[in-house]
Amino acid sequence: MGLIGEVLMLPFAPVRGSAWAVRQVLAEAERIYYDPATVRAELARLEEQLDAGEITEEEFDRREDELLDRLETSR
């Protein structure tokens, strides 16, 4: 894009800047969500909840499957 194009797009600069910020936040959230260390920590908390009787075996199985899917996706 040349100088004229930049001048014409100048009124849209705040929108472009906001879109960039949203993309950055989304990328960081996905990185944390799929981080293997985060998933392992959540699996450990889940097992603690099961041992403490806070959740049922069925709930544990369902949530464990979701976490293992996330772990597999991250690889």
C-alpha atoms as a PDB file:
ATOM      1  CA  MET A   1       0.000   0.000   0.000  1.00  0.00           C
ATOM      2  CA  GLY A   2       1.400   3.314  -0.969  1.00  0.00           C
ATOM      3  CA  LEU A   3       1.318   6.671   0.708  1.00  0.00           C
ATOM      4  CA  ILE A   4      -2.089   7.545  -0.733  1.00  0.00           C
ATOM      5  CA  GLY A   5      -3.535   4.267   0.470  1.00  0.00           C
ATOM      6  CA  GLU A   6      -2.152   4.881   3.967  1.00  0.00           C
ATOM      7  CA  VAL A   7      -3.678   8.376   4.036  1.00  0.00           C
ATOM      8  CA  LEU A   8      -7.049   7.038   2.898  1.00  0.00           C
ATOM      9  CA  MET A   9      -6.968   4.256   5.519  1.00  0.00           C
ATOM     10  CA  LEU A  10      -5.948   6.613   8.345  1.00  0.00           C
ATOM     11  CA  PRO A  11      -9.514   7.046   9.669  1.00  0.00           C
ATOM     12  CA  PHE A  12      -9.637   3.266  10.148  1.00  0.00           C
ATOM     13  CA  ALA A  13      -6.435   3.120  12.209  1.00  0.00           C
ATOM     14  CA  PRO A  14      -8.247   2.735  15.566  1.00  0.00           C
ATOM     15  CA  VAL A  15     -10.251  -0.182  14.200  1.00  0.00           C
ATOM     16  CA  ARG A  16      -7.133  -1.834  12.784  1.00  0.00           C
ATOM     17  CA  GLY A  17      -5.339  -1.306  16.085  1.00  0.00           C
ATOM     18  CA  SER A  18      -8.239  -2.780  18.049  1.00  0.00           C
ATOM     19  CA  ALA A  19      -8.410  -5.787  15.736  1.00  0.00           C
ATOM     20  CA  TRP A  20      -4.678  -6.367  16.219  1.00  0.00           C
ATOM     21  CA  ALA A  21      -5.089  -6.224  20.001  1.00  0.00           C
ATOM     22  CA  VAL A  22      -7.980  -8.701  19.891  1.00  0.00           C
ATOM     23  CA  ARG A  23      -5.914 -11.087  17.744  1.00  0.00           C
ATOM     24  CA  GLN A  24      -3.023 -10.870  20.213  1.00  0.00           C
ATOM     25  CA  VAL A  25      -5.265 -11.563  23.216  1.00  0.00           C
ATOM     26  CA  LEU A  26      -6.896 -14.487  21.429  1.00  0.00           C
ATOM     27  CA  ALA A  27      -3.540 -15.991  20.468  1.00  0.00           C
ATOM     28  CA  GLU A  28      -2.283 -15.761  24.062  1.00  0.00           C
ATOM     29  CA  ALA A  29      -5.496 -17.265  25.442  1.00  0.00           C
ATOM     30  CA  GLU A  30      -5.216 -20.197  23.028  1.00  0.00           C
ATOM     31  CA  ARG A  31      -1.552 -20.679  23.923  1.00  0.00           C
ATOM     32  CA  ILE A  32      -2.415 -20.889  27.621  1.00  0.00           C
ATOM     33  CA  TYR A  33      -5.494 -23.052  27.004  1.00  0.00           C
ATOM     34  CA  TYR A  34      -3.524 -25.664  25.049  1.00  0.00           C
ATOM     35  CA  ASP A  35      -0.306 -25.443  27.101  1.00  0.00           C
ATOM     36  CA  PRO A  36       0.548 -28.993  28.252  1.00  0.00           C
ATOM     37  CA  ALA A  37       1.628 -27.759  31.699  1.00  0.00           C
ATOM     38  CA  THR A  38      -1.724 -26.039  32.200  1.00  0.00           C
ATOM     39  CA  VAL A  39      -3.648 -29.121  31.101  1.00  0.00           C
ATOM     40  CA  ARG A  40      -1.599 -31.370  33.422  1.00  0.00           C
ATOM     41  CA  ALA A  41      -2.251 -29.024  36.343  1.00  0.00           C
ATOM     42  CA  GLU A  42      -5.979 -29.129  35.602  1.00  0.00           C
ATOM     43  CA  LEU A  43      -5.842 -32.933  35.456  1.00  0.00           C
ATOM     44  CA  ALA A  44      -4.164 -32.985  38.882  1.00  0.00           C
ATOM     45  CA  ARG A  45      -6.838 -30.665  40.338  1.00  0.00           C
ATOM     46  CA  LEU A  46      -9.518 -32.835  38.800  1.00  0.00           C
ATOM     47  CA  GLU A  47      -8.084 -35.943  40.442  1.00  0.00           C
ATOM     48  CA  GLU A  48      -7.926 -34.099  43.781  1.00  0.00           C
ATOM     49  CA  GLN A  49     -11.600 -33.185  43.433  1.00  0.00           C
ATOM     50  CA  LEU A  50     -12.464 -36.833  42.762  1.00  0.00           C
ATOM     51  CA  ASP A  51     -10.446 -38.014  45.755  1.00  0.00           C
ATOM     52  CA  ALA A  52     -12.124 -35.416  47.988  1.00  0.00           C
ATOM     53  CA  GLY A  53     -15.563 -36.538  46.795  1.00  0.00           C
ATOM     54  CA  GLU A  54     -16.374 -33.154  45.281  1.00  0.00           C
ATOM     55  CA  ILE A  55     -17.247 -34.658  41.884  1.00  0.00           C
ATOM     56  CA  THR A  56     -18.659 -37.992  40.747  1.00  0.00           C
ATOM     57  CA  GLU A  57     -16.812 -40.631  38.768  1.00  0.00           C
ATOM     58  CA  GLU A  58     -18.918 -39.799  35.689  1.00  0.00           C
ATOM     59  CA  GLU A  59     -18.087 -36.091  35.966  1.00  0.00           C
ATOM     60  CA  PHE A  60     -14.419 -36.974  36.380  1.00  0.00           C
ATOM     61  CA  ASP A  61     -14.460 -39.176  33.272  1.00  0.00           C
ATOM     62  CA  ARG A  62     -16.193 -36.521  31.168  1.00  0.00           C
ATOM     63  CA  ARG A  63     -13.854 -33.698  32.206  1.00  0.00           C
ATOM     64  CA  GLU A  64     -10.786 -35.926  31.968  1.00  0.00           C
ATOM     65  CA  ASP A  65     -11.689 -36.790  28.372  1.00  0.00           C
ATOM     66  CA  GLU A  66     -12.005 -33.085  27.545  1.00  0.00           C
ATOM     67  CA  LEU A  67      -8.617 -32.343  29.089  1.00  0.00           C
ATOM     68  CA  LEU A  68      -6.947 -35.248  27.325  1.00  0.00           C
ATOM     69  CA  ASP A  69      -8.410 -34.033  24.017  1.00  0.00           C
ATOM     70  CA  ARG A  70      -6.895 -30.599  24.694  1.00  0.00           C
ATOM     71  CA  LEU A  71      -3.555 -32.218  25.497  1.00  0.00           C
ATOM     72  CA  GLU A  72      -3.664 -34.212  22.273  1.00  0.00           C
ATOM     73  CA  THR A  73      -4.581 -31.115  20.272  1.00  0.00           C
ATOM     74  CA  SER A  74      -1.610 -29.228  21.703  1.00  0.00           C
ATOM     75  CA  ARG A  75       0.784 -31.816  20.300  1.00  0.00           C
END
